[in-house]
C-alpha atoms as a PDB file:
ATOM      1  CA  MET A   1    -126.354  11.399 204.922  1.00  0.00           C
ATOM      2  CA  THR A   2    -124.832  13.839 202.474  1.00  0.00           C
ATOM      3  CA  GLY A   3    -125.460  14.726 199.036  1.00  0.00           C
ATOM      4  CA  ASN A   4    -122.363  13.073 197.664  1.00  0.00           C
ATOM      5  CA  ALA A   5    -123.171   9.624 199.480  1.00  0.00           C
ATOM      6  CA  THR A   6    -123.980   6.431 197.491  1.00  0.00           C
ATOM      7  CA  PRO A   7    -124.884   2.809 197.887  1.00  0.00           C
ATOM      8  CA  VAL A   8    -121.169   1.908 197.318  1.00  0.00           C
ATOM      9  CA  ALA A   9    -119.942   0.195 200.610  1.00  0.00           C
ATOM     10  CA  SER A  10    -116.019   0.221 199.265  1.00  0.00           C
ATOM     11  CA  PRO A  11    -115.284  -0.222 195.969  1.00  0.00           C
ATOM     12  CA  LEU A  12    -111.643   0.351 195.886  1.00  0.00           C
ATOM     13  CA  PRO A  13    -108.732  -1.870 196.198  1.00  0.00           C
ATOM     14  CA  GLY A  14    -108.274  -3.872 198.979  1.00  0.00           C
ATOM     15  CA  ALA A  15    -111.717  -3.528 199.975  1.00  0.00           C
ATOM     16  CA  LEU A  16    -112.992  -6.583 199.284  1.00  0.00           C
ATOM     17  CA  LEU A  17    -115.274  -7.958 202.528  1.00  0.00           C
ATOM     18  CA  THR A  18    -115.525  -4.582 204.105  1.00  0.00           C
ATOM     19  CA  GLY A  19    -119.115  -6.590 205.631  1.00  0.00           C
ATOM     20  CA  VAL A  20    -121.230  -3.588 203.925  1.00  0.00           C
ATOM     21  CA  SER A  21    -124.262  -4.776 202.232  1.00  0.00           C
ATOM     22  CA  PRO A  22    -124.591  -2.218 199.640  1.00  0.00           C
ATOM     23  CA  GLN A  23    -128.101  -2.623 199.087  1.00  0.00           C
ATOM     24  CA  ASN A  24    -129.387  -1.791 202.477  1.00  0.00           C
ATOM     25  CA  CYS A  25    -126.250   0.375 203.472  1.00  0.00           C
ATOM     26  CA  THR A  26    -125.089   4.034 201.898  1.00  0.00           C
ATOM     27  CA  VAL A  27    -121.463   5.133 202.888  1.00  0.00           C
ATOM     28  CA  PRO A  28    -119.986   8.368 201.548  1.00  0.00           C
ATOM     29  CA  VAL A  29    -117.527   7.527 198.930  1.00  0.00           C
ATOM     30  CA  ASN A  30    -116.991  10.866 197.405  1.00  0.00           C
ATOM     31  CA  GLU A  31    -115.724  11.984 200.481  1.00  0.00           C
ATOM     32  CA  SER A  32    -112.101  10.924 199.917  1.00  0.00           C
ATOM     33  CA  ARG A  33    -112.355  10.845 195.407  1.00  0.00           C
ATOM     34  CA  VAL A  34    -109.914  13.329 195.040  1.00  0.00           C
ATOM     35  CA  PHE A  35    -107.743  12.365 198.062  1.00  0.00           C
ATOM     36  CA  LEU A  36    -107.498   8.861 196.448  1.00  0.00           C
ATOM     37  CA  VAL A  37    -107.210  10.162 192.972  1.00  0.00           C
ATOM     38  CA  THR A  38    -104.247  12.452 194.344  1.00  0.00           C
ATOM     39  CA  VAL A  39    -102.373   9.338 196.133  1.00  0.00           C
ATOM     40  CA  TYR A  40    -102.568   7.065 193.897  1.00  0.00           C
ATOM     41  CA  SER A  41    -101.697   8.936 190.591  1.00  0.00           C
ATOM     42  CA  THR A  42     -98.649   9.988 192.732  1.00  0.00           C
ATOM     43  CA  VAL A  43     -97.666   6.933 193.664  1.00  0.00           C
ATOM     44  CA  CYS A  44     -98.076   5.940 189.952  1.00  0.00           C
ATOM     45  CA  VAL A  45     -95.621   8.592 188.591  1.00  0.00           C
ATOM     46  CA  LEU A  46     -93.198   8.671 191.126  1.00  0.00           C
ATOM     47  CA  GLY A  47     -93.294   4.951 191.468  1.00  0.00           C
ATOM     48  CA  LEU A  48     -93.051   3.991 188.249  1.00  0.00           C
ATOM     49  CA  PRO A  49     -89.467   5.222 187.507  1.00  0.00           C
ATOM     50  CA  ALA A  50     -88.338   4.641 190.778  1.00  0.00           C
ATOM     51  CA  ASN A  51     -89.051   0.590 190.435  1.00  0.00           C
ATOM     52  CA  CYS A  52     -87.799   0.468 186.704  1.00  0.00           C
ATOM     53  CA  LEU A  53     -84.413   1.263 188.416  1.00  0.00           C
ATOM     54  CA  THR A  54     -84.233  -0.300 190.974  1.00  0.00           C
ATOM     55  CA  ALA A  55     -85.229  -3.768 189.219  1.00  0.00           C
ATOM     56  CA  TRP A  56     -82.218  -2.885 186.943  1.00  0.00           C
ATOM     57  CA  LEU A  57     -80.039  -1.539 189.222  1.00  0.00           C
ATOM     58  CA  THR A  58     -80.903  -4.942 191.726  1.00  0.00           C
ATOM     59  CA  LEU A  59     -80.718  -7.052 188.478  1.00  0.00           C
ATOM     60  CA  LEU A  60     -77.228  -6.145 187.671  1.00  0.00           C
ATOM     61  CA  GLN A  61     -76.310  -7.028 191.650  1.00  0.00           C
ATOM     62  CA  ALA A  62     -77.970  -9.847 191.362  1.00  0.00           C
ATOM     63  CA  ARG A  63     -76.037 -11.218 188.372  1.00  0.00           C
ATOM     64  CA  GLN A  64     -72.597 -10.247 190.955  1.00  0.00           C
ATOM     65  CA  GLY A  65     -73.792 -13.026 193.659  1.00  0.00           C
ATOM     66  CA  HIS A  66     -75.702 -10.402 195.714  1.00  0.00           C
ATOM     67  CA  VAL A  67     -77.674 -12.787 197.426  1.00  0.00           C
ATOM     68  CA  LEU A  68     -80.186  -9.480 198.821  1.00  0.00           C
ATOM     69  CA  ALA A  69     -80.524  -8.186 195.591  1.00  0.00           C
ATOM     70  CA  VAL A  70     -82.681 -11.352 194.852  1.00  0.00           C
ATOM     71  CA  TYR A  71     -85.426 -10.528 196.984  1.00  0.00           C
ATOM     72  CA  LEU A  72     -84.939  -6.211 196.029  1.00  0.00           C
ATOM     73  CA  PHE A  73     -85.305  -7.210 192.514  1.00  0.00           C
ATOM     74  CA  CYS A  74     -88.391  -9.593 192.960  1.00  0.00           C
ATOM     75  CA  LEU A  75     -89.681  -6.789 195.300  1.00  0.00           C
ATOM     76  CA  ALA A  76     -89.332  -4.015 192.464  1.00  0.00           C
ATOM     77  CA  LEU A  77     -90.976  -6.479 189.873  1.00  0.00           C
ATOM     78  CA  CYS A  78     -93.848  -6.557 191.977  1.00  0.00           C
ATOM     79  CA  GLU A  79     -94.444  -2.896 192.940  1.00  0.00           C
ATOM     80  CA  LEU A  80     -94.172  -2.499 189.071  1.00  0.00           C
ATOM     81  CA  LEU A  81     -97.280  -4.650 188.358  1.00  0.00           C
ATOM     82  CA  TYR A  82     -99.059  -2.921 191.103  1.00  0.00           C
ATOM     83  CA  ILE A  83     -98.369   0.198 189.862  1.00  0.00           C
ATOM     84  CA  SER A  84     -99.982  -0.716 186.301  1.00  0.00           C
ATOM     85  CA  THR A  85    -103.023  -1.363 187.796  1.00  0.00           C
ATOM     86  CA  LEU A  86    -103.153   2.273 189.639  1.00  0.00           C
ATOM     87  CA  PRO A  87    -104.318   3.970 186.657  1.00  0.00           C
ATOM     88  CA  LEU A  88    -107.462   1.681 186.670  1.00  0.00           C
ATOM     89  CA  TRP A  89    -108.137   2.135 189.886  1.00  0.00           C
ATOM     90  CA  VAL A  90    -107.745   6.244 189.373  1.00  0.00           C
ATOM     91  CA  VAL A  91    -110.336   6.063 186.422  1.00  0.00           C
ATOM     92  CA  TYR A  92    -112.886   3.768 188.707  1.00  0.00           C
ATOM     93  CA  ILE A  93    -113.329   6.490 191.231  1.00  0.00           C
ATOM     94  CA  GLN A  94    -113.434   8.802 188.972  1.00  0.00           C
ATOM     95  CA  ASN A  95    -116.391   7.043 186.685  1.00  0.00           C
ATOM     96  CA  GLY A  96    -118.556   7.271 189.728  1.00  0.00           C
ATOM     97  CA  HIS A  97    -117.469   3.806 191.330  1.00  0.00           C
ATOM     98  CA  ARG A  98    -118.185   1.764 188.435  1.00  0.00           C
ATOM     99  CA  TRP A  99    -116.059  -0.660 186.473  1.00  0.00           C
ATOM    100  CA  LEU A 100    -116.148  -0.621 182.705  1.00  0.00           C
ATOM    101  CA  LEU A 101    -113.779  -3.021 181.464  1.00  0.00           C
ATOM    102  CA  GLY A 102    -115.487  -6.471 182.803  1.00  0.00           C
ATOM    103  CA  PRO A 103    -115.276  -8.698 185.758  1.00  0.00           C
ATOM    104  CA  ARG A 104    -112.451 -10.148 184.719  1.00  0.00           C
ATOM    105  CA  ALA A 105    -110.801  -7.373 184.754  1.00  0.00           C
ATOM    106  CA  CYS A 106    -111.911  -6.261 187.899  1.00  0.00           C
ATOM    107  CA  LYS A 107    -111.203  -9.785 189.612  1.00  0.00           C
ATOM    108  CA  VAL A 108    -107.252  -9.476 187.947  1.00  0.00           C
ATOM    109  CA  THR A 109    -106.535  -6.132 189.039  1.00  0.00           C
ATOM    110  CA  ALA A 110    -108.026  -6.697 192.645  1.00  0.00           C
ATOM    111  CA  TYR A 111    -105.836  -9.982 193.109  1.00  0.00           C
ATOM    112  CA  ILE A 112    -102.487  -8.066 192.182  1.00  0.00           C
ATOM    113  CA  PHE A 113    -103.395  -5.801 194.705  1.00  0.00           C
ATOM    114  CA  PHE A 114    -103.932  -8.549 197.814  1.00  0.00           C
ATOM    115  CA  CYS A 115    -100.796 -10.414 195.799  1.00  0.00           C
ATOM    116  CA  ASN A 116     -98.797  -7.340 196.082  1.00  0.00           C
ATOM    117  CA  LEU A 117    -100.072  -6.484 199.671  1.00  0.00           C
ATOM    118  CA  TYR A 118     -98.626  -9.465 201.171  1.00  0.00           C
ATOM    119  CA  VAL A 119     -95.619 -10.338 199.212  1.00  0.00           C
ATOM    120  CA  SER A 120     -94.856  -6.370 200.381  1.00  0.00           C
ATOM    121  CA  ILE A 121     -94.954  -7.642 204.059  1.00  0.00           C
ATOM    122  CA  LEU A 122     -93.211 -11.239 203.203  1.00  0.00           C
ATOM    123  CA  PHE A 123     -90.085  -9.690 201.406  1.00  0.00           C
ATOM    124  CA  LEU A 124     -89.727  -6.988 203.715  1.00  0.00           C
ATOM    125  CA  CYS A 125     -89.958  -9.882 206.440  1.00  0.00           C
ATOM    126  CA  CYS A 126     -86.936 -12.401 203.806  1.00  0.00           C
ATOM    127  CA  ILE A 127     -84.908  -8.504 203.678  1.00  0.00           C
ATOM    128  CA  SER A 128     -84.681  -8.120 207.143  1.00  0.00           C
ATOM    129  CA  CYS A 129     -83.651 -11.779 208.140  1.00  0.00           C
ATOM    130  CA  ASP A 130     -81.090 -11.721 205.249  1.00  0.00           C
ATOM    131  CA  ARG A 131     -79.591  -8.633 207.037  1.00  0.00           C
ATOM    132  CA  PHE A 132     -79.814  -9.650 210.500  1.00  0.00           C
ATOM    133  CA  LEU A 133     -77.807 -13.164 209.793  1.00  0.00           C
ATOM    134  CA  ALA A 134     -75.544 -11.222 207.230  1.00  0.00           C
ATOM    135  CA  VAL A 135     -74.966  -8.470 210.177  1.00  0.00           C
ATOM    136  CA  VAL A 136     -75.423 -10.884 213.478  1.00  0.00           C
ATOM    137  CA  TYR A 137     -74.147 -13.817 212.181  1.00  0.00           C
ATOM    138  CA  ALA A 138     -71.546 -12.249 210.098  1.00  0.00           C
ATOM    139  CA  LEU A 139     -68.810 -15.268 210.728  1.00  0.00           C
ATOM    140  CA  GLU A 140     -71.407 -17.972 211.195  1.00  0.00           C
ATOM    141  CA  THR A 141     -73.181 -17.101 207.680  1.00  0.00           C
ATOM    142  CA  ARG A 142     -70.080 -16.873 205.782  1.00  0.00           C
ATOM    143  CA  GLY A 143     -70.023 -18.526 202.891  1.00  0.00           C
ATOM    144  CA  ARG A 144     -73.860 -20.086 203.778  1.00  0.00           C
ATOM    145  CA  ARG A 145     -76.058 -17.301 202.028  1.00  0.00           C
ATOM    146  CA  HIS A 146     -76.552 -18.346 198.104  1.00  0.00           C
ATOM    147  CA  GLN A 147     -78.489 -17.500 195.496  1.00  0.00           C
ATOM    148  CA  LYS A 148     -80.398 -20.523 195.160  1.00  0.00           C
ATOM    149  CA  THR A 149     -81.773 -20.118 198.537  1.00  0.00           C
ATOM    150  CA  ALA A 150     -82.950 -16.615 197.883  1.00  0.00           C
ATOM    151  CA  ILE A 151     -84.631 -18.007 194.695  1.00  0.00           C
ATOM    152  CA  LEU A 152     -86.418 -20.441 196.013  1.00  0.00           C
ATOM    153  CA  VAL A 153     -87.786 -18.246 198.869  1.00  0.00           C
ATOM    154  CA  SER A 154     -88.643 -15.482 196.682  1.00  0.00           C
ATOM    155  CA  VAL A 155     -90.596 -18.322 194.528  1.00  0.00           C
ATOM    156  CA  SER A 156     -92.039 -19.908 197.572  1.00  0.00           C
ATOM    157  CA  VAL A 157     -93.906 -16.184 198.317  1.00  0.00           C
ATOM    158  CA  PHE A 158     -95.552 -15.845 195.094  1.00  0.00           C
ATOM    159  CA  VAL A 159     -96.766 -19.188 195.475  1.00  0.00           C
ATOM    160  CA  LEU A 160     -97.531 -18.802 198.890  1.00  0.00           C
ATOM    161  CA  VAL A 161     -99.806 -15.496 198.745  1.00  0.00           C
ATOM    162  CA  GLY A 162    -100.648 -16.308 195.476  1.00  0.00           C
ATOM    163  CA  LEU A 163    -102.520 -19.432 195.981  1.00  0.00           C
ATOM    164  CA  VAL A 164    -104.284 -17.922 199.263  1.00  0.00           C
ATOM    165  CA  HIS A 165    -105.835 -14.823 197.318  1.00  0.00           C
ATOM    166  CA  TYR A 166    -107.182 -17.221 194.507  1.00  0.00           C
ATOM    167  CA  PRO A 167    -110.479 -17.230 195.431  1.00  0.00           C
ATOM    168  CA  VAL A 168    -110.705 -13.614 194.404  1.00  0.00           C
ATOM    169  CA  PHE A 169    -111.718 -15.170 191.179  1.00  0.00           C
ATOM    170  CA  GLN A 170    -114.658 -17.169 192.630  1.00  0.00           C
ATOM    171  CA  MET A 171    -116.446 -13.780 193.502  1.00  0.00           C
ATOM    172  CA  GLU A 172    -118.953 -12.528 191.601  1.00  0.00           C
ATOM    173  CA  GLU A 173    -119.164  -8.524 190.889  1.00  0.00           C
ATOM    174  CA  GLU A 174    -121.494  -6.278 188.385  1.00  0.00           C
ATOM    175  CA  GLY A 175    -120.943  -3.046 187.355  1.00  0.00           C
ATOM    176  CA  THR A 176    -118.842  -2.206 190.535  1.00  0.00           C
ATOM    177  CA  CYS A 177    -115.286  -4.074 191.593  1.00  0.00           C
ATOM    178  CA  PHE A 178    -114.969  -5.979 194.691  1.00  0.00           C
ATOM    179  CA  GLU A 179    -118.403  -4.472 196.526  1.00  0.00           C
ATOM    180  CA  PRO A 180    -118.052  -5.968 200.182  1.00  0.00           C
ATOM    181  CA  LEU A 181    -120.197  -8.798 201.349  1.00  0.00           C
ATOM    182  CA  PRO A 182    -122.353  -8.691 204.700  1.00  0.00           C
ATOM    183  CA  MET A 183    -120.281  -9.934 207.237  1.00  0.00           C
ATOM    184  CA  ASP A 184    -120.622 -12.495 208.754  1.00  0.00           C
ATOM    185  CA  ARG A 185    -118.694 -15.201 210.859  1.00  0.00           C
ATOM    186  CA  LYS A 186    -116.566 -16.584 208.441  1.00  0.00           C
ATOM    187  CA  ILE A 187    -115.245 -13.290 207.381  1.00  0.00           C
ATOM    188  CA  ALA A 188    -114.954 -11.812 210.398  1.00  0.00           C
ATOM    189  CA  GLY A 189    -112.444 -14.700 211.078  1.00  0.00           C
ATOM    190  CA  TYR A 190    -110.929 -14.099 207.998  1.00  0.00           C
ATOM    191  CA  TYR A 191    -110.144 -10.163 209.168  1.00  0.00           C
ATOM    192  CA  TYR A 192    -108.685 -11.762 212.727  1.00  0.00           C
ATOM    193  CA  THR A 193    -106.206 -14.246 210.632  1.00  0.00           C
ATOM    194  CA  ARG A 194    -105.233 -11.275 207.741  1.00  0.00           C
ATOM    195  CA  PHE A 195    -104.312  -9.482 211.117  1.00  0.00           C
ATOM    196  CA  ALA A 196    -102.396 -12.016 213.151  1.00  0.00           C
ATOM    197  CA  VAL A 197    -100.594 -13.917 210.183  1.00  0.00           C
ATOM    198  CA  GLY A 198    -100.634 -11.270 207.723  1.00  0.00           C
ATOM    199  CA  PHE A 199     -99.676  -8.364 209.875  1.00  0.00           C
ATOM    200  CA  ALA A 200     -98.801  -9.134 213.357  1.00  0.00           C
ATOM    201  CA  ILE A 201     -96.138 -12.128 213.056  1.00  0.00           C
ATOM    202  CA  PRO A 202     -94.532 -10.180 210.019  1.00  0.00           C
ATOM    203  CA  LEU A 203     -94.064  -7.384 212.771  1.00  0.00           C
ATOM    204  CA  SER A 204     -92.746  -9.363 214.924  1.00  0.00           C
ATOM    205  CA  VAL A 205     -90.637 -10.957 213.139  1.00  0.00           C
ATOM    206  CA  ILE A 206     -89.235  -7.173 211.514  1.00  0.00           C
ATOM    207  CA  ALA A 207     -88.892  -6.010 214.731  1.00  0.00           C
ATOM    208  CA  PHE A 208     -86.997  -8.492 216.458  1.00  0.00           C
ATOM    209  CA  THR A 209     -84.353  -8.842 213.788  1.00  0.00           C
ATOM    210  CA  ASN A 210     -83.715  -5.342 213.599  1.00  0.00           C
ATOM    211  CA  GLU A 211     -83.991  -5.070 216.540  1.00  0.00           C
ATOM    212  CA  ARG A 212     -81.029  -7.683 217.328  1.00  0.00           C
ATOM    213  CA  ILE A 213     -79.016  -5.372 214.246  1.00  0.00           C
ATOM    214  CA  PHE A 214     -79.492  -2.281 216.203  1.00  0.00           C
ATOM    215  CA  ARG A 215     -77.798  -3.918 219.092  1.00  0.00           C
ATOM    216  CA  ASN A 216     -75.203  -5.721 217.547  1.00  0.00           C
ATOM    217  CA  ILE A 217     -73.763  -2.650 215.469  1.00  0.00           C
ATOM    218  CA  LYS A 218     -73.739  -0.757 218.931  1.00  0.00           C
ATOM    219  CA  MET A 219     -71.310  -3.256 220.388  1.00  0.00           C
ATOM    220  CA  SER A 220     -69.648  -3.752 216.950  1.00  0.00           C
ATOM    221  CA  THR A 221     -65.825  -1.990 217.619  1.00  0.00           C
ATOM    222  CA  GLY A 222     -65.278  -3.373 213.688  1.00  0.00           C
ATOM    223  CA  LEU A 223     -67.153  -0.599 212.322  1.00  0.00           C
ATOM    224  CA  SER A 224     -66.566   2.796 211.323  1.00  0.00           C
ATOM    225  CA  ALA A 225     -69.044   5.307 213.293  1.00  0.00           C
ATOM    226  CA  ALA A 226     -70.680   6.216 209.173  1.00  0.00           C
ATOM    227  CA  GLN A 227     -70.982   2.282 209.108  1.00  0.00           C
ATOM    228  CA  LYS A 228     -72.772   2.289 212.193  1.00  0.00           C
ATOM    229  CA  ALA A 229     -74.734   5.176 211.304  1.00  0.00           C
ATOM    230  CA  LYS A 230     -75.867   3.574 207.866  1.00  0.00           C
ATOM    231  CA  VAL A 231     -76.867   0.369 209.461  1.00  0.00           C
ATOM    232  CA  LYS A 232     -79.196   1.847 212.207  1.00  0.00           C
ATOM    233  CA  HIS A 233     -81.148   4.640 209.956  1.00  0.00           C
ATOM    234  CA  LEU A 234     -81.820   1.604 207.211  1.00  0.00           C
ATOM    235  CA  ALA A 235     -82.871  -0.580 210.308  1.00  0.00           C
ATOM    236  CA  VAL A 236     -84.851   2.315 211.484  1.00  0.00           C
ATOM    237  CA  ALA A 237     -86.676   2.900 207.901  1.00  0.00           C
ATOM    238  CA  VAL A 238     -87.418  -0.818 207.835  1.00  0.00           C
ATOM    239  CA  VAL A 239     -89.657  -0.941 210.811  1.00  0.00           C
ATOM    240  CA  ALA A 240     -91.058   2.939 210.247  1.00  0.00           C
ATOM    241  CA  ILE A 241     -91.925   2.218 206.502  1.00  0.00           C
ATOM    242  CA  PHE A 242     -93.577  -1.344 207.668  1.00  0.00           C
ATOM    243  CA  LEU A 243     -95.502   0.269 210.280  1.00  0.00           C
ATOM    244  CA  LEU A 244     -96.618   3.514 208.570  1.00  0.00           C
ATOM    245  CA  CYS A 245     -97.704   1.703 205.331  1.00  0.00           C
ATOM    246  CA  PHE A 246     -99.471  -1.181 206.415  1.00  0.00           C
ATOM    247  CA  THR A 247    -100.861  -0.757 210.233  1.00  0.00           C
ATOM    248  CA  PRO A 248    -103.066   1.410 209.485  1.00  0.00           C
ATOM    249  CA  TYR A 249    -104.949  -0.686 206.712  1.00  0.00           C
ATOM    250  CA  HIS A 250    -104.939  -3.838 209.228  1.00  0.00           C
ATOM    251  CA  LEU A 251    -106.011  -2.021 212.168  1.00  0.00           C
ATOM    252  CA  VAL A 252    -109.204  -1.286 210.135  1.00  0.00           C
ATOM    253  CA  LEU A 253    -109.619  -4.875 209.464  1.00  0.00           C
ATOM    254  CA  LEU A 254    -109.338  -5.744 213.149  1.00  0.00           C
ATOM    255  CA  VAL A 255    -111.479  -3.238 214.418  1.00  0.00           C
ATOM    256  CA  LYS A 256    -114.094  -4.029 211.741  1.00  0.00           C
ATOM    257  CA  ALA A 257    -114.117  -7.715 212.776  1.00  0.00           C
ATOM    258  CA  ILE A 258    -114.224  -6.538 216.515  1.00  0.00           C
ATOM    259  CA  ALA A 259    -117.005  -4.516 215.806  1.00  0.00           C
ATOM    260  CA  PHE A 260    -118.813  -7.788 214.537  1.00  0.00           C
ATOM    261  CA  SER A 261    -118.139  -9.116 217.577  1.00  0.00           C
ATOM    262  CA  TYR A 262    -119.389  -6.745 219.975  1.00  0.00           C
ATOM    263  CA  TYR A 263    -122.764  -6.112 217.624  1.00  0.00           C
ATOM    264  CA  ARG A 264    -123.155  -9.798 217.492  1.00  0.00           C
ATOM    265  CA  GLY A 265    -123.441  -9.677 213.571  1.00  0.00           C
ATOM    266  CA  ASP A 266    -126.509  -6.947 213.920  1.00  0.00           C
ATOM    267  CA  ALA A 267    -126.720  -5.735 210.482  1.00  0.00           C
ATOM    268  CA  GLY A 268    -127.996  -2.350 211.038  1.00  0.00           C
ATOM    269  CA  LEU A 269    -125.508  -1.305 213.832  1.00  0.00           C
ATOM    270  CA  MET A 270    -122.621  -3.037 211.408  1.00  0.00           C
ATOM    271  CA  CYS A 271    -123.808  -0.636 208.841  1.00  0.00           C
ATOM    272  CA  THR A 272    -124.091   2.681 211.044  1.00  0.00           C
ATOM    273  CA  PHE A 273    -120.058   1.565 212.486  1.00  0.00           C
ATOM    274  CA  GLU A 274    -119.111   1.344 208.312  1.00  0.00           C
ATOM    275  CA  ILE A 275    -121.352   4.714 207.680  1.00  0.00           C
ATOM    276  CA  LYS A 276    -118.697   6.058 210.026  1.00  0.00           C
ATOM    277  CA  LEU A 277    -115.348   4.002 209.536  1.00  0.00           C
ATOM    278  CA  TYR A 278    -115.595   4.401 205.900  1.00  0.00           C
ATOM    279  CA  THR A 279    -113.753   7.695 205.124  1.00  0.00           C
ATOM    280  CA  VAL A 280    -110.718   6.671 207.566  1.00  0.00           C
ATOM    281  CA  SER A 281    -110.768   2.949 206.113  1.00  0.00           C
ATOM    282  CA  VAL A 282    -109.952   3.752 202.402  1.00  0.00           C
ATOM    283  CA  VAL A 283    -107.412   6.542 203.558  1.00  0.00           C
ATOM    284  CA  PHE A 284    -105.460   3.832 205.263  1.00  0.00           C
ATOM    285  CA  LEU A 285    -105.913   1.613 202.713  1.00  0.00           C
ATOM    286  CA  SER A 286    -103.957   4.252 200.644  1.00  0.00           C
ATOM    287  CA  LEU A 287    -101.076   4.473 202.746  1.00  0.00           C
ATOM    288  CA  ALA A 288    -100.324   0.719 201.642  1.00  0.00           C
ATOM    289  CA  THR A 289     -99.599   1.842 198.231  1.00  0.00           C
ATOM    290  CA  VAL A 290     -97.576   4.624 199.447  1.00  0.00           C
ATOM    291  CA  ASN A 291     -95.054   1.283 199.814  1.00  0.00           C
ATOM    292  CA  SER A 292     -94.640   1.148 196.072  1.00  0.00           C
ATOM    293  CA  VAL A 293     -92.854   4.255 196.294  1.00  0.00           C
ATOM    294  CA  ALA A 294     -90.962   4.306 199.404  1.00  0.00           C
ATOM    295  CA  ASP A 295     -89.268   0.692 199.130  1.00  0.00           C
ATOM    296  CA  PRO A 296     -86.797   1.451 196.138  1.00  0.00           C
ATOM    297  CA  ILE A 297     -85.922   4.481 198.348  1.00  0.00           C
ATOM    298  CA  ILE A 298     -85.423   2.390 201.650  1.00  0.00           C
ATOM    299  CA  TYR A 299     -83.765  -0.399 200.079  1.00  0.00           C
ATOM    300  CA  VAL A 300     -81.841   0.120 196.903  1.00  0.00           C
ATOM    301  CA  LEU A 301     -81.084   4.057 196.836  1.00  0.00           C
ATOM    302  CA  ALA A 302     -79.800   4.064 200.335  1.00  0.00           C
ATOM    303  CA  THR A 303     -76.965   1.441 199.874  1.00  0.00           C
ATOM    304  CA  GLU A 304     -73.678   2.467 198.637  1.00  0.00           C
ATOM    305  CA  VAL A 305     -73.327  -0.052 195.177  1.00  0.00           C
ATOM    306  CA  SER A 306     -76.682   1.643 194.298  1.00  0.00           C
ATOM    307  CA  ARG A 307     -75.266   5.249 194.473  1.00  0.00           C
ATOM    308  CA  GLN A 308     -72.591   4.636 192.800  1.00  0.00           C
ATOM    309  CA  GLU A 309     -74.728   3.102 190.119  1.00  0.00           C
ATOM    310  CA  VAL A 310     -76.950   5.859 189.807  1.00  0.00           C
ATOM    311  CA  SER A 311     -74.291   8.252 189.260  1.00  0.00           C
ATOM    312  CA  ARG A 312     -72.459   6.408 186.872  1.00  0.00           C
ATOM    313  CA  ILE A 313     -75.896   6.497 185.130  1.00  0.00           C
ATOM    314  CA  HIS A 314     -76.102   9.946 185.709  1.00  0.00           C
ATOM    315  CA  LYS A 315     -72.590  10.925 183.954  1.00  0.00           C
ATOM    316  CA  GLY A 316     -73.015   8.261 181.136  1.00  0.00           C
ATOM    317  CA  TRP A 317     -76.193  10.377 180.483  1.00  0.00           C
ATOM    318  CA  LYS A 318     -74.975  13.587 180.668  1.00  0.00           C
ATOM    319  CA  LYS A 319     -72.095  12.768 178.072  1.00  0.00           C
ATOM    320  CA  TRP A 320     -74.660  11.241 176.167  1.00  0.00           C
ATOM    321  CA  SER A 321     -76.245  14.489 176.212  1.00  0.00           C
ATOM    322  CA  MET A 322     -73.612  16.458 175.261  1.00  0.00           C
ATOM    323  CA  LYS A 323     -72.669  14.572 172.245  1.00  0.00           C
ATOM    324  CA  THR A 324     -76.089  14.852 170.833  1.00  0.00           C
ATOM    325  CA  ASP A 325     -76.061  18.369 171.854  1.00  0.00           C
ATOM    326  CA  VAL A 326     -72.354  18.528 169.877  1.00  0.00           C
ATOM    327  CA  ALA A 327     -74.077  16.759 167.098  1.00  0.00           C
ATOM    328  CA  LYS A 328     -77.450  19.251 166.413  1.00  0.00           C
ATOM    329  CA  LEU A 329     -74.860  21.938 166.835  1.00  0.00           C
ATOM    330  CA  THR A 330     -72.617  20.439 163.833  1.00  0.00           C
ATOM    331  CA  TYR A 331     -75.309  19.400 161.606  1.00  0.00           C
ATOM    332  CA  SER A 332     -77.145  23.160 162.400  1.00  0.00           C
ATOM    333  CA  LYS A 333     -73.675  24.535 160.885  1.00  0.00           C
ATOM    334  CA  ASP A 334     -73.328  22.041 158.256  1.00  0.00           C
ATOM    335  CA  SER A 335     -77.468  23.212 156.820  1.00  0.00           C
ATOM    336  CA  GLN A 336     -76.439  27.180 157.267  1.00  0.00           C
ATOM    337  CA  GLU A 337     -73.708  26.684 154.916  1.00  0.00           C
ATOM    338  CA  ALA A 338     -75.216  24.188 152.621  1.00  0.00           C
ATOM    339  CA  ARG A 339     -77.949  26.946 151.938  1.00  0.00           C
ATOM    340  CA  SER A 340     -75.485  29.929 152.161  1.00  0.00           C
ATOM    341  CA  PRO A 341     -74.619  31.499 148.712  1.00  0.00           C
ATOM    342  CA  THR A 342     -71.329  30.761 147.510  1.00  0.00           C
END
């Protein structure tokens, strides 16, 4: 092992239950320290203002009766909550993977990560399904897509994901934050379930709905070339963001579960496997965080209404800045005249 190795198997957000015993397995956590700090810091700096703007714009749209805006608003709020915890993970990594804020804060922070991951995935499904109904079945669903339904679905998503990950609060942690437990059959089954239910099924929904959207606009004669291109690019972007942000992490979960089954739970072989996979695992995990920056760009700023709102805000800011500059200049001249001898 290299000199920067340490007996901490995976203390980063999302590393819960990675299958390594901290007492018996040593992995090189410091190999990815600079990269993770850079990624989390960048996402925090870019994602905070982007999601604040997204939340405000989608709230305005929701108040005007837009159904899709409800999902976008909830997604932005979820991302903001997660982004608020990133500084804690950055400090944690810089402190040599030692959690100094107490076990309760550790559990809450990890709980927010897990909930954000799967709330984001489910809301991407909701957005894709809503657009699927609005585009493919435009006539059939006209007047039948209601905000109350969107609100009910959104609340159900939060409650479902929250309840599923509540066991996080029942785990014990000392010093570090969410050290992995030795993998057993139950945990391997948990990984298989997360991959199938939390990733494969949502991916199938997103792929199917956006493929139908793409096929529909291709055959449509009522849309202009520019409108078709806009819908097409957005549909492609939805799938691309999902694949880039969530596929690597869930593939790691699947690979770990398969390895456990293949090695029949042998602790020594699993330890060696975890050491080889660790750096790749945490790097792939960080890609899920990038979703916090990608969502506002793809789903809000790409729409015409949002661009108009951003343009209006920009013009208003410029007008306010000009008034402020004029006021400062006038005040400066008045001050100079008051000080000048008569």
